[in-house]
Protein backbone atom coordinates (compact mmCIF):
# COMPACT_ATOMS: atom_id res chain seq x y z
CA UNK A 1 23.25 -22.62 -16.81
CA UNK A 2 22.99 -21.23 -13.48
CA UNK A 3 19.26 -18.84 -12.31
CA UNK A 4 20.56 -15.87 -10.48
CA UNK A 5 19.51 -16.01 -6.73
CA UNK A 6 16.57 -13.59 -5.77
CA UNK A 7 16.75 -11.71 -2.09
CA UNK A 8 14.00 -10.71 -0.42
CA UNK A 9 14.38 -8.78 2.47
CA UNK A 10 10.87 -7.20 3.51
CA UNK A 11 9.66 -4.73 6.16
CA UNK A 12 6.14 -3.78 6.65
CA UNK A 13 3.94 -1.69 9.20
CA UNK A 14 0.22 -2.23 9.80
CA UNK A 15 -2.24 -0.69 12.13
CA UNK A 16 -5.88 -1.02 12.89
CA UNK A 17 -7.84 1.64 12.14
CA UNK A 18 -11.33 2.23 9.79
CA UNK A 19 -12.69 3.32 6.95
CA UNK A 20 -15.07 4.44 7.03
CA UNK A 21 -17.87 3.05 8.76
CA UNK A 22 -16.02 -0.82 8.49
CA UNK A 23 -12.79 -1.93 11.11
CA UNK A 24 -9.74 -2.48 8.76
CA UNK A 25 -6.67 -3.08 8.11
CA UNK A 26 -3.76 -0.50 6.81
CA UNK A 27 -0.45 -1.54 6.11
CA UNK A 28 2.07 -0.56 3.46
CA UNK A 29 6.06 -2.05 3.14
CA UNK A 30 9.23 -1.93 1.78
CA UNK A 31 11.64 -4.23 0.74
CA UNK A 32 15.21 -4.53 -1.42
CA UNK A 33 16.80 -7.77 -3.29
CA UNK A 34 20.33 -6.83 -2.47
CA UNK A 35 21.20 -9.85 -4.88
CA UNK A 36 19.26 -9.71 -7.65
CA UNK A 37 19.77 -10.73 -10.95
CA UNK A 38 20.56 -7.95 -13.78
CA UNK A 39 17.42 -7.55 -15.27
CA UNK A 40 15.61 -7.81 -12.19
CA UNK A 41 14.21 -5.72 -9.80
CA UNK A 42 15.55 -3.24 -6.81
CA UNK A 43 13.24 -3.12 -4.36
CA UNK A 44 9.74 -2.73 -3.82
CA UNK A 45 6.74 -1.30 -2.37
CA UNK A 46 3.42 -2.84 -0.93
CA UNK A 47 0.54 -1.45 0.41
CA UNK A 48 -3.27 -3.39 0.67
CA UNK A 49 -6.27 -2.15 3.03
CA UNK A 50 -8.27 -4.91 4.13
CA UNK A 51 -11.55 -4.49 5.67
CA UNK A 52 -13.20 -6.52 7.90
CA UNK A 53 -15.84 -7.98 8.39
CA UNK A 54 -18.04 -9.39 11.28
CA UNK A 55 -18.76 -13.29 11.02
CA UNK A 56 -22.54 -12.95 10.59
CA UNK A 57 -22.26 -10.41 8.64
CA UNK A 58 -20.93 -13.40 5.23
CA UNK A 59 -22.63 -16.28 4.45
CA UNK A 60 -20.74 -19.61 5.16
CA UNK A 61 -23.08 -22.00 2.77
CA UNK A 62 -19.69 -21.66 0.94
CA UNK A 63 -17.46 -22.19 2.98
CA UNK A 64 -19.51 -25.04 4.50
CA UNK A 65 -19.78 -26.52 0.91
CA UNK A 66 -15.58 -25.98 0.55
CA UNK A 67 -15.32 -28.46 3.74
CA UNK A 68 -15.71 -26.42 6.36
CA UNK A 69 -18.54 -28.44 8.54
CA UNK A 70 -17.85 -26.16 11.85
CA UNK A 71 -18.66 -23.09 9.67
CA UNK A 72 -22.05 -21.35 11.62
CA UNK A 73 -25.47 -21.27 9.49
CA UNK A 74 -26.02 -18.12 9.20
CA UNK A 75 -28.82 -18.00 10.83
CA UNK A 76 -27.08 -18.63 13.79
CA UNK A 77 -24.83 -16.32 13.70
CA UNK A 78 -27.19 -14.00 13.21
CA UNK A 79 -29.49 -14.66 16.89
CA UNK A 80 -26.25 -14.92 18.32
CA UNK A 81 -25.40 -11.31 17.33
CA UNK A 82 -29.21 -10.24 18.46
CA UNK A 83 -28.38 -11.56 21.70
CA UNK A 84 -25.83 -10.20 22.22
CA UNK A 85 -26.16 -5.83 20.72
């Protein structure tokens, strides 16, 4: 028994803007499936809003725990941020 292929073709556009006081990335996309099983999808829509935060606003202790030893400690990042304001 053969399994039918699903072949997607996607087009996505993105824009950097703001979401309230935060910088954000807005993305929207459309996809079609020129080859698909009889019971498979023929099209799809995608949308996303990604909020962008500065690194010193994030607690990096969990990043270091996961094996990224070069992550900057929160105190150092906050001190550097104050220096450049």
